[in-house]
PDB file of N, CA and C in Angstrom:
ATOM      1  N   MET A   1       9.334  10.515  -3.433  1.00  0.00           N
ATOM      2  CA  MET A   1       8.029   9.888  -3.432  1.00  0.00           C
ATOM      3  C   MET A   1       8.205   8.382  -3.611  1.00  0.00           C
ATOM      4  N   LYS A   2       7.564   7.598  -2.749  1.00  0.00           N
ATOM      5  CA  LYS A   2       7.628   6.139  -2.841  1.00  0.00           C
ATOM      6  C   LYS A   2       6.433   5.630  -3.647  1.00  0.00           C
ATOM      7  N   ILE A   3       6.738   5.034  -4.799  1.00  0.00           N
ATOM      8  CA  ILE A   3       5.700   4.517  -5.690  1.00  0.00           C
ATOM      9  C   ILE A   3       5.872   3.013  -5.803  1.00  0.00           C
ATOM     10  N   ALA A   4       4.765   2.287  -5.629  1.00  0.00           N
ATOM     11  CA  ALA A   4       4.775   0.829  -5.726  1.00  0.00           C
ATOM     12  C   ALA A   4       3.859   0.380  -6.853  1.00  0.00           C
ATOM     13  N   VAL A   5       4.207  -0.750  -7.448  1.00  0.00           N
ATOM     14  CA  VAL A   5       3.389  -1.370  -8.491  1.00  0.00           C
ATOM     15  C   VAL A   5       2.901  -2.711  -7.966  1.00  0.00           C
ATOM     16  N   TYR A   6       1.621  -2.988  -8.190  1.00  0.00           N
ATOM     17  CA  TYR A   6       1.037  -4.288  -7.848  1.00  0.00           C
ATOM     18  C   TYR A   6       0.518  -4.892  -9.147  1.00  0.00           C
ATOM     19  N   PRO A   7       1.292  -5.795  -9.758  1.00  0.00           N
ATOM     20  CA  PRO A   7       0.879  -6.396 -11.022  1.00  0.00           C
ATOM     21  C   PRO A   7       0.069  -7.668 -10.805  1.00  0.00           C
ATOM     22  N   GLY A   8      -0.809  -7.960 -11.753  1.00  0.00           N
ATOM     23  CA  GLY A   8      -1.567  -9.209 -11.696  1.00  0.00           C
ATOM     24  C   GLY A   8      -2.591  -9.259 -12.802  1.00  0.00           C
ATOM     25  N   THR A   9      -3.225 -10.415 -12.929  1.00  0.00           N
ATOM     26  CA  THR A   9      -4.290 -10.528 -13.931  1.00  0.00           C
ATOM     27  C   THR A   9      -5.609 -10.019 -13.365  1.00  0.00           C
ATOM     28  N   PHE A  10      -5.799 -10.176 -12.054  1.00  0.00           N
ATOM     29  CA  PHE A  10      -7.018  -9.710 -11.386  1.00  0.00           C
ATOM     30  C   PHE A  10      -8.258 -10.183 -12.154  1.00  0.00           C
ATOM     31  N   ASP A  11      -8.359 -11.492 -12.291  1.00  0.00           N
ATOM     32  CA  ASP A  11      -9.399 -12.107 -13.124  1.00  0.00           C
ATOM     33  C   ASP A  11     -10.304 -13.026 -12.321  1.00  0.00           C
ATOM     34  N   PRO A  12     -11.197 -12.442 -11.542  1.00  0.00           N
ATOM     35  CA  PRO A  12     -11.414 -11.022 -11.258  1.00  0.00           C
ATOM     36  C   PRO A  12     -10.641 -10.608 -10.003  1.00  0.00           C
ATOM     37  N   ILE A  13     -10.720  -9.327  -9.679  1.00  0.00           N
ATOM     38  CA  ILE A  13     -10.119  -8.838  -8.443  1.00  0.00           C
ATOM     39  C   ILE A  13     -10.884  -9.444  -7.268  1.00  0.00           C
ATOM     40  N   THR A  14     -10.168  -9.778  -6.203  1.00  0.00           N
ATOM     41  CA  THR A  14     -10.785 -10.400  -5.029  1.00  0.00           C
ATOM     42  C   THR A  14     -10.650  -9.490  -3.813  1.00  0.00           C
ATOM     43  N   ASN A  15     -11.331  -9.866  -2.736  1.00  0.00           N
ATOM     44  CA  ASN A  15     -11.183  -9.121  -1.482  1.00  0.00           C
ATOM     45  C   ASN A  15      -9.740  -9.171  -0.992  1.00  0.00           C
ATOM     46  N   GLY A  16      -9.064 -10.277  -1.232  1.00  0.00           N
ATOM     47  CA  GLY A  16      -7.656 -10.394  -0.849  1.00  0.00           C
ATOM     48  C   GLY A  16      -6.785  -9.401  -1.597  1.00  0.00           C
ATOM     49  N   HIS A  17      -7.023  -9.263  -2.910  1.00  0.00           N
ATOM     50  CA  HIS A  17      -6.293  -8.267  -3.702  1.00  0.00           C
ATOM     51  C   HIS A  17      -6.551  -6.866  -3.142  1.00  0.00           C
ATOM     52  N   ALA A  18      -7.833  -6.557  -2.929  1.00  0.00           N
ATOM     53  CA  ALA A  18      -8.209  -5.220  -2.456  1.00  0.00           C
ATOM     54  C   ALA A  18      -7.593  -4.927  -1.086  1.00  0.00           C
ATOM     55  N   ASP A  19      -7.554  -5.927  -0.221  1.00  0.00           N
ATOM     56  CA  ASP A  19      -6.952  -5.747   1.101  1.00  0.00           C
ATOM     57  C   ASP A  19      -5.464  -5.435   0.980  1.00  0.00           C
ATOM     58  N   LEU A  20      -4.786  -6.159   0.114  1.00  0.00           N
ATOM     59  CA  LEU A  20      -3.350  -5.925  -0.085  1.00  0.00           C
ATOM     60  C   LEU A  20      -3.091  -4.515  -0.619  1.00  0.00           C
ATOM     61  N   VAL A  21      -3.914  -4.067  -1.551  1.00  0.00           N
ATOM     62  CA  VAL A  21      -3.764  -2.715  -2.102  1.00  0.00           C
ATOM     63  C   VAL A  21      -4.027  -1.669  -1.015  1.00  0.00           C
ATOM     64  N   SER A  22      -5.066  -1.871  -0.218  1.00  0.00           N
ATOM     65  CA  SER A  22      -5.378  -0.920   0.860  1.00  0.00           C
ATOM     66  C   SER A  22      -4.229  -0.810   1.855  1.00  0.00           C
ATOM     67  N   ARG A  23      -3.633  -1.937   2.190  1.00  0.00           N
ATOM     68  CA  ARG A  23      -2.495  -1.928   3.117  1.00  0.00           C
ATOM     69  C   ARG A  23      -1.292  -1.222   2.485  1.00  0.00           C
ATOM     70  N   ALA A  24      -1.043  -1.519   1.219  1.00  0.00           N
ATOM     71  CA  ALA A  24       0.085  -0.894   0.516  1.00  0.00           C
ATOM     72  C   ALA A  24      -0.112   0.612   0.402  1.00  0.00           C
ATOM     73  N   ALA A  25      -1.350   1.042   0.207  1.00  0.00           N
ATOM     74  CA  ALA A  25      -1.641   2.470   0.051  1.00  0.00           C
ATOM     75  C   ALA A  25      -1.305   3.259   1.311  1.00  0.00           C
ATOM     76  N   ARG A  26      -1.297   2.594   2.447  1.00  0.00           N
ATOM     77  CA  ARG A  26      -0.912   3.261   3.695  1.00  0.00           C
ATOM     78  C   ARG A  26       0.607   3.360   3.841  1.00  0.00           C
ATOM     79  N   LEU A  27       1.327   2.531   3.101  1.00  0.00           N
ATOM     80  CA  LEU A  27       2.789   2.506   3.201  1.00  0.00           C
ATOM     81  C   LEU A  27       3.494   3.355   2.150  1.00  0.00           C
ATOM     82  N   PHE A  28       2.829   3.536   0.998  1.00  0.00           N
ATOM     83  CA  PHE A  28       3.467   4.210  -0.133  1.00  0.00           C
ATOM     84  C   PHE A  28       2.672   5.443  -0.540  1.00  0.00           C
ATOM     85  N   ASP A  29       3.360   6.383  -1.189  1.00  0.00           N
ATOM     86  CA  ASP A  29       2.700   7.602  -1.649  1.00  0.00           C
ATOM     87  C   ASP A  29       1.715   7.312  -2.776  1.00  0.00           C
ATOM     88  N   ARG A  30       2.049   6.338  -3.601  1.00  0.00           N
ATOM     89  CA  ARG A  30       1.182   5.981  -4.733  1.00  0.00           C
ATOM     90  C   ARG A  30       1.321   4.489  -5.006  1.00  0.00           C
ATOM     91  N   VAL A  31       0.199   3.847  -5.331  1.00  0.00           N
ATOM     92  CA  VAL A  31       0.199   2.436  -5.714  1.00  0.00           C
ATOM     93  C   VAL A  31      -0.433   2.342  -7.097  1.00  0.00           C
ATOM     94  N   VAL A  32       0.307   1.769  -8.033  1.00  0.00           N
ATOM     95  CA  VAL A  32      -0.191   1.561  -9.388  1.00  0.00           C
ATOM     96  C   VAL A  32      -0.542   0.085  -9.514  1.00  0.00           C
ATOM     97  N   VAL A  33      -1.822  -0.189  -9.725  1.00  0.00           N
ATOM     98  CA  VAL A  33      -2.284  -1.558  -9.932  1.00  0.00           C
ATOM     99  C   VAL A  33      -2.230  -1.816 -11.429  1.00  0.00           C
ATOM    100  N   GLY A  34      -1.335  -2.698 -11.831  1.00  0.00           N
ATOM    101  CA  GLY A  34      -1.152  -3.015 -13.247  1.00  0.00           C
ATOM    102  C   GLY A  34      -1.899  -4.279 -13.609  1.00  0.00           C
ATOM    103  N   VAL A  35      -2.959  -4.123 -14.381  1.00  0.00           N
ATOM    104  CA  VAL A  35      -3.763  -5.273 -14.805  1.00  0.00           C
ATOM    105  C   VAL A  35      -3.136  -5.835 -16.075  1.00  0.00           C
ATOM    106  N   ALA A  36      -2.595  -7.037 -15.958  1.00  0.00           N
ATOM    107  CA  ALA A  36      -1.848  -7.648 -17.059  1.00  0.00           C
ATOM    108  C   ALA A  36      -2.767  -8.042 -18.209  1.00  0.00           C
ATOM    109  N   LYS A  37      -2.354  -7.630 -19.392  1.00  0.00           N
ATOM    110  CA  LYS A  37      -3.132  -7.885 -20.600  1.00  0.00           C
ATOM    111  C   LYS A  37      -2.965  -9.314 -21.093  1.00  0.00           C
ATOM    112  N   ASP A  38      -1.728  -9.769 -21.209  1.00  0.00           N
ATOM    113  CA  ASP A  38      -1.465 -11.098 -21.758  1.00  0.00           C
ATOM    114  C   ASP A  38      -0.435 -11.801 -20.898  1.00  0.00           C
ATOM    115  N   THR A  39      -0.881 -12.817 -20.184  1.00  0.00           N
ATOM    116  CA  THR A  39       0.024 -13.546 -19.295  1.00  0.00           C
ATOM    117  C   THR A  39       0.175 -15.001 -19.699  1.00  0.00           C
ATOM    118  N   GLY A  40      -0.409 -15.379 -20.806  1.00  0.00           N
ATOM    119  CA  GLY A  40      -0.398 -16.778 -21.201  1.00  0.00           C
ATOM    120  C   GLY A  40      -1.588 -17.531 -20.641  1.00  0.00           C
ATOM    121  N   LYS A  41      -2.329 -16.890 -19.739  1.00  0.00           N
ATOM    122  CA  LYS A  41      -3.546 -17.485 -19.189  1.00  0.00           C
ATOM    123  C   LYS A  41      -4.713 -17.117 -20.101  1.00  0.00           C
ATOM    124  N   VAL A  42      -5.749 -17.927 -20.080  1.00  0.00           N
ATOM    125  CA  VAL A  42      -6.976 -17.587 -20.800  1.00  0.00           C
ATOM    126  C   VAL A  42      -7.901 -16.923 -19.784  1.00  0.00           C
ATOM    127  N   PRO A  43      -8.072 -15.602 -19.879  1.00  0.00           N
ATOM    128  CA  PRO A  43      -8.858 -14.891 -18.867  1.00  0.00           C
ATOM    129  C   PRO A  43     -10.361 -15.147 -18.994  1.00  0.00           C
ATOM    130  N   VAL A  44     -11.045 -15.069 -17.860  1.00  0.00           N
ATOM    131  CA  VAL A  44     -12.503 -15.165 -17.834  1.00  0.00           C
ATOM    132  C   VAL A  44     -13.086 -13.849 -18.340  1.00  0.00           C
ATOM    133  N   CYS A  45     -12.494 -12.738 -17.914  1.00  0.00           N
ATOM    134  CA  CYS A  45     -12.947 -11.399 -18.299  1.00  0.00           C
ATOM    135  C   CYS A  45     -11.898 -10.751 -19.196  1.00  0.00           C
ATOM    136  N   GLY A  46     -12.351  -9.885 -20.085  1.00  0.00           N
ATOM    137  CA  GLY A  46     -11.436  -9.136 -20.942  1.00  0.00           C
ATOM    138  C   GLY A  46     -10.694  -8.074 -20.146  1.00  0.00           C
ATOM    139  N   ILE A  47      -9.667  -7.503 -20.747  1.00  0.00           N
ATOM    140  CA  ILE A  47      -8.831  -6.517 -20.061  1.00  0.00           C
ATOM    141  C   ILE A  47      -9.630  -5.289 -19.618  1.00  0.00           C
ATOM    142  N   GLU A  48     -10.520  -4.802 -20.477  1.00  0.00           N
ATOM    143  CA  GLU A  48     -11.303  -3.609 -20.127  1.00  0.00           C
ATOM    144  C   GLU A  48     -12.176  -3.872 -18.909  1.00  0.00           C
ATOM    145  N   GLU A  49     -12.798  -5.053 -18.878  1.00  0.00           N
ATOM    146  CA  GLU A  49     -13.672  -5.392 -17.756  1.00  0.00           C
ATOM    147  C   GLU A  49     -12.867  -5.571 -16.466  1.00  0.00           C
ATOM    148  N   ARG A  50     -11.697  -6.184 -16.559  1.00  0.00           N
ATOM    149  CA  ARG A  50     -10.861  -6.368 -15.371  1.00  0.00           C
ATOM    150  C   ARG A  50     -10.371  -5.036 -14.818  1.00  0.00           C
ATOM    151  N   VAL A  51     -10.010  -4.112 -15.701  1.00  0.00           N
ATOM    152  CA  VAL A  51      -9.593  -2.775 -15.259  1.00  0.00           C
ATOM    153  C   VAL A  51     -10.766  -2.067 -14.584  1.00  0.00           C
ATOM    154  N   GLU A  52     -11.941  -2.164 -15.177  1.00  0.00           N
ATOM    155  CA  GLU A  52     -13.134  -1.519 -14.610  1.00  0.00           C
ATOM    156  C   GLU A  52     -13.493  -2.112 -13.247  1.00  0.00           C
ATOM    157  N   LEU A  53     -13.489  -3.439 -13.141  1.00  0.00           N
ATOM    158  CA  LEU A  53     -13.811  -4.093 -11.865  1.00  0.00           C
ATOM    159  C   LEU A  53     -12.817  -3.691 -10.776  1.00  0.00           C
ATOM    160  N   ALA A  54     -11.542  -3.658 -11.116  1.00  0.00           N
ATOM    161  CA  ALA A  54     -10.520  -3.257 -10.144  1.00  0.00           C
ATOM    162  C   ALA A  54     -10.689  -1.789  -9.758  1.00  0.00           C
ATOM    163  N   SER A  55     -10.998  -0.949 -10.727  1.00  0.00           N
ATOM    164  CA  SER A  55     -11.198   0.483 -10.451  1.00  0.00           C
ATOM    165  C   SER A  55     -12.356   0.698  -9.492  1.00  0.00           C
ATOM    166  N   VAL A  56     -13.443  -0.019  -9.709  1.00  0.00           N
ATOM    167  CA  VAL A  56     -14.613   0.099  -8.831  1.00  0.00           C
ATOM    168  C   VAL A  56     -14.281  -0.424  -7.433  1.00  0.00           C
ATOM    169  N   ALA A  57     -13.611  -1.578  -7.367  1.00  0.00           N
ATOM    170  CA  ALA A  57     -13.276  -2.183  -6.073  1.00  0.00           C
ATOM    171  C   ALA A  57     -12.337  -1.303  -5.253  1.00  0.00           C
ATOM    172  N   LEU A  58     -11.504  -0.520  -5.923  1.00  0.00           N
ATOM    173  CA  LEU A  58     -10.491   0.285  -5.230  1.00  0.00           C
ATOM    174  C   LEU A  58     -10.813   1.778  -5.227  1.00  0.00           C
ATOM    175  N   ALA A  59     -12.024   2.133  -5.611  1.00  0.00           N
ATOM    176  CA  ALA A  59     -12.415   3.544  -5.739  1.00  0.00           C
ATOM    177  C   ALA A  59     -12.261   4.326  -4.437  1.00  0.00           C
ATOM    178  N   GLY A  60     -12.377   3.683  -3.302  1.00  0.00           N
ATOM    179  CA  GLY A  60     -12.286   4.377  -2.022  1.00  0.00           C
ATOM    180  C   GLY A  60     -10.870   4.644  -1.544  1.00  0.00           C
ATOM    181  N   VAL A  61      -9.881   4.198  -2.303  1.00  0.00           N
ATOM    182  CA  VAL A  61      -8.481   4.388  -1.909  1.00  0.00           C
ATOM    183  C   VAL A  61      -7.889   5.482  -2.798  1.00  0.00           C
ATOM    184  N   ASP A  62      -7.598   6.634  -2.196  1.00  0.00           N
ATOM    185  CA  ASP A  62      -7.222   7.829  -2.963  1.00  0.00           C
ATOM    186  C   ASP A  62      -5.933   7.725  -3.770  1.00  0.00           C
ATOM    187  N   ASN A  63      -4.921   7.111  -3.236  1.00  0.00           N
ATOM    188  CA  ASN A  63      -3.613   7.134  -3.895  1.00  0.00           C
ATOM    189  C   ASN A  63      -3.341   5.882  -4.732  1.00  0.00           C
ATOM    190  N   VAL A  64      -4.406   5.329  -5.309  1.00  0.00           N
ATOM    191  CA  VAL A  64      -4.294   4.126  -6.143  1.00  0.00           C
ATOM    192  C   VAL A  64      -4.746   4.448  -7.557  1.00  0.00           C
ATOM    193  N   GLU A  65      -3.973   3.967  -8.515  1.00  0.00           N
ATOM    194  CA  GLU A  65      -4.299   4.120  -9.934  1.00  0.00           C
ATOM    195  C   GLU A  65      -4.348   2.723 -10.543  1.00  0.00           C
ATOM    196  N   VAL A  66      -5.408   2.420 -11.286  1.00  0.00           N
ATOM    197  CA  VAL A  66      -5.552   1.122 -11.949  1.00  0.00           C
ATOM    198  C   VAL A  66      -5.369   1.328 -13.444  1.00  0.00           C
ATOM    199  N   VAL A  67      -4.397   0.610 -14.019  1.00  0.00           N
ATOM    200  CA  VAL A  67      -4.105   0.753 -15.447  1.00  0.00           C
ATOM    201  C   VAL A  67      -3.790  -0.614 -16.055  1.00  0.00           C
ATOM    202  N   PRO A  68      -4.095  -0.781 -17.346  1.00  0.00           N
ATOM    203  CA  PRO A  68      -3.698  -2.026 -18.011  1.00  0.00           C
ATOM    204  C   PRO A  68      -2.207  -1.987 -18.329  1.00  0.00           C
ATOM    205  N   PHE A  69      -1.604  -3.163 -18.421  1.00  0.00           N
ATOM    206  CA  PHE A  69      -0.219  -3.185 -18.882  1.00  0.00           C
ATOM    207  C   PHE A  69       0.087  -4.484 -19.602  1.00  0.00           C
ATOM    208  N   GLU A  70       1.057  -4.385 -20.500  1.00  0.00           N
ATOM    209  CA  GLU A  70       1.585  -5.567 -21.174  1.00  0.00           C
ATOM    210  C   GLU A  70       3.080  -5.355 -21.355  1.00  0.00           C
ATOM    211  N   GLY A  71       3.780  -6.426 -21.586  1.00  0.00           N
ATOM    212  CA  GLY A  71       5.225  -6.320 -21.738  1.00  0.00           C
ATOM    213  C   GLY A  71       5.937  -6.644 -20.445  1.00  0.00           C
ATOM    214  N   LEU A  72       7.164  -6.175 -20.347  1.00  0.00           N
ATOM    215  CA  LEU A  72       7.998  -6.476 -19.188  1.00  0.00           C
ATOM    216  C   LEU A  72       7.602  -5.637 -17.977  1.00  0.00           C
ATOM    217  N   LEU A  73       7.541  -6.288 -16.835  1.00  0.00           N
ATOM    218  CA  LEU A  73       7.202  -5.598 -15.592  1.00  0.00           C
ATOM    219  C   LEU A  73       8.211  -4.497 -15.273  1.00  0.00           C
ATOM    220  N   VAL A  74       9.479  -4.757 -15.520  1.00  0.00           N
ATOM    221  CA  VAL A  74      10.511  -3.756 -15.216  1.00  0.00           C
ATOM    222  C   VAL A  74      10.287  -2.476 -16.027  1.00  0.00           C
ATOM    223  N   GLU A  75       9.852  -2.606 -17.263  1.00  0.00           N
ATOM    224  CA  GLU A  75       9.563  -1.424 -18.091  1.00  0.00           C
ATOM    225  C   GLU A  75       8.331  -0.688 -17.574  1.00  0.00           C
ATOM    226  N   PHE A  76       7.325  -1.431 -17.144  1.00  0.00           N
ATOM    227  CA  PHE A  76       6.116  -0.835 -16.570  1.00  0.00           C
ATOM    228  C   PHE A  76       6.482  -0.034 -15.319  1.00  0.00           C
ATOM    229  N   CYS A  77       7.333  -0.607 -14.476  1.00  0.00           N
ATOM    230  CA  CYS A  77       7.778   0.085 -13.261  1.00  0.00           C
ATOM    231  C   CYS A  77       8.531   1.365 -13.605  1.00  0.00           C
ATOM    232  N   ARG A  78       9.408   1.294 -14.574  1.00  0.00           N
ATOM    233  CA  ARG A  78      10.164   2.492 -14.991  1.00  0.00           C
ATOM    234  C   ARG A  78       9.233   3.587 -15.495  1.00  0.00           C
ATOM    235  N   ARG A  79       8.236   3.204 -16.307  1.00  0.00           N
ATOM    236  CA  ARG A  79       7.289   4.185 -16.853  1.00  0.00           C
ATOM    237  C   ARG A  79       6.541   4.919 -15.751  1.00  0.00           C
ATOM    238  N   HIS A  80       6.277   4.221 -14.652  1.00  0.00           N
ATOM    239  CA  HIS A  80       5.503   4.815 -13.562  1.00  0.00           C
ATOM    240  C   HIS A  80       6.382   5.330 -12.422  1.00  0.00           C
ATOM    241  N   GLY A  81       7.694   5.222 -12.585  1.00  0.00           N
ATOM    242  CA  GLY A  81       8.609   5.714 -11.558  1.00  0.00           C
ATOM    243  C   GLY A  81       8.591   4.890 -10.286  1.00  0.00           C
ATOM    244  N   ALA A  82       8.214   3.627 -10.397  1.00  0.00           N
ATOM    245  CA  ALA A  82       8.092   2.758  -9.225  1.00  0.00           C
ATOM    246  C   ALA A  82       9.390   2.010  -8.953  1.00  0.00           C
ATOM    247  N   GLY A  83       9.755   1.968  -7.693  1.00  0.00           N
ATOM    248  CA  GLY A  83      10.930   1.216  -7.281  1.00  0.00           C
ATOM    249  C   GLY A  83      10.577   0.004  -6.438  1.00  0.00           C
ATOM    250  N   ILE A  84       9.278  -0.241  -6.276  1.00  0.00           N
ATOM    251  CA  ILE A  84       8.810  -1.322  -5.408  1.00  0.00           C
ATOM    252  C   ILE A  84       7.748  -2.124  -6.148  1.00  0.00           C
ATOM    253  N   VAL A  85       7.837  -3.450  -6.054  1.00  0.00           N
ATOM    254  CA  VAL A  85       6.822  -4.343  -6.619  1.00  0.00           C
ATOM    255  C   VAL A  85       6.173  -5.089  -5.460  1.00  0.00           C
ATOM    256  N   ILE A  86       4.863  -5.055  -5.416  1.00  0.00           N
ATOM    257  CA  ILE A  86       4.096  -5.733  -4.374  1.00  0.00           C
ATOM    258  C   ILE A  86       3.655  -7.085  -4.918  1.00  0.00           C
ATOM    259  N   ARG A  87       3.805  -8.112  -4.104  1.00  0.00           N
ATOM    260  CA  ARG A  87       3.370  -9.449  -4.501  1.00  0.00           C
ATOM    261  C   ARG A  87       2.548 -10.042  -3.367  1.00  0.00           C
ATOM    262  N   GLY A  88       1.474 -10.705  -3.722  1.00  0.00           N
ATOM    263  CA  GLY A  88       0.680 -11.437  -2.747  1.00  0.00           C
ATOM    264  C   GLY A  88       1.102 -12.896  -2.760  1.00  0.00           C
ATOM    265  N   LEU A  89       1.029 -13.535  -1.617  1.00  0.00           N
ATOM    266  CA  LEU A  89       1.384 -14.947  -1.521  1.00  0.00           C
ATOM    267  C   LEU A  89       0.180 -15.734  -1.028  1.00  0.00           C
ATOM    268  N   ARG A  90      -0.205 -16.746  -1.784  1.00  0.00           N
ATOM    269  CA  ARG A  90      -1.317 -17.605  -1.377  1.00  0.00           C
ATOM    270  C   ARG A  90      -0.820 -18.822  -0.618  1.00  0.00           C
ATOM    271  N   ALA A  91       0.378 -19.273  -0.964  1.00  0.00           N
ATOM    272  CA  ALA A  91       0.933 -20.476  -0.351  1.00  0.00           C
ATOM    273  C   ALA A  91       2.453 -20.386  -0.372  1.00  0.00           C
ATOM    274  N   VAL A  92       3.107 -21.278   0.336  1.00  0.00           N
ATOM    275  CA  VAL A  92       4.567 -21.310   0.369  1.00  0.00           C
ATOM    276  C   VAL A  92       5.124 -21.497  -1.034  1.00  0.00           C
ATOM    277  N   SER A  93       4.411 -22.237  -1.871  1.00  0.00           N
ATOM    278  CA  SER A  93       4.883 -22.468  -3.241  1.00  0.00           C
ATOM    279  C   SER A  93       4.978 -21.166  -4.030  1.00  0.00           C
ATOM    280  N   ASP A  94       4.105 -20.188  -3.739  1.00  0.00           N
ATOM    281  CA  ASP A  94       4.201 -18.877  -4.391  1.00  0.00           C
ATOM    282  C   ASP A  94       5.517 -18.198  -4.021  1.00  0.00           C
ATOM    283  N   PHE A  95       5.896 -18.292  -2.758  1.00  0.00           N
ATOM    284  CA  PHE A  95       7.149 -17.696  -2.296  1.00  0.00           C
ATOM    285  C   PHE A  95       8.338 -18.369  -2.973  1.00  0.00           C
ATOM    286  N   GLU A  96       8.294 -19.688  -3.066  1.00  0.00           N
ATOM    287  CA  GLU A  96       9.381 -20.425  -3.709  1.00  0.00           C
ATOM    288  C   GLU A  96       9.481 -20.074  -5.187  1.00  0.00           C
ATOM    289  N   PHE A  97       8.332 -19.858  -5.840  1.00  0.00           N
ATOM    290  CA  PHE A  97       8.308 -19.493  -7.259  1.00  0.00           C
ATOM    291  C   PHE A  97       8.977 -18.145  -7.485  1.00  0.00           C
ATOM    292  N   GLU A  98       8.682 -17.189  -6.614  1.00  0.00           N
ATOM    293  CA  GLU A  98       9.237 -15.843  -6.747  1.00  0.00           C
ATOM    294  C   GLU A  98      10.724 -15.875  -6.488  1.00  0.00           C
TER     295      GLU A  98
END
């Protein structure tokens, strides 16, 4: 089974995020959207609200699970059995950062 993780703050989730998840859901058996609890950013919305907004936005995609996470991404991936991390790129600088 191919499981992918899409981590982010999703503060709030956007159409771009939802599009990326929908595309990933066609490629993988399961996509786990990990809503980051503490990233050093000051969020506009709390973690519960961000998880709820993402869950509602992605409700039509069957093989997607939205969950909060904190700590190391590698540990989150191991917990969910994921071997793939999905990243969105807004600009070339995002690619260089990764």
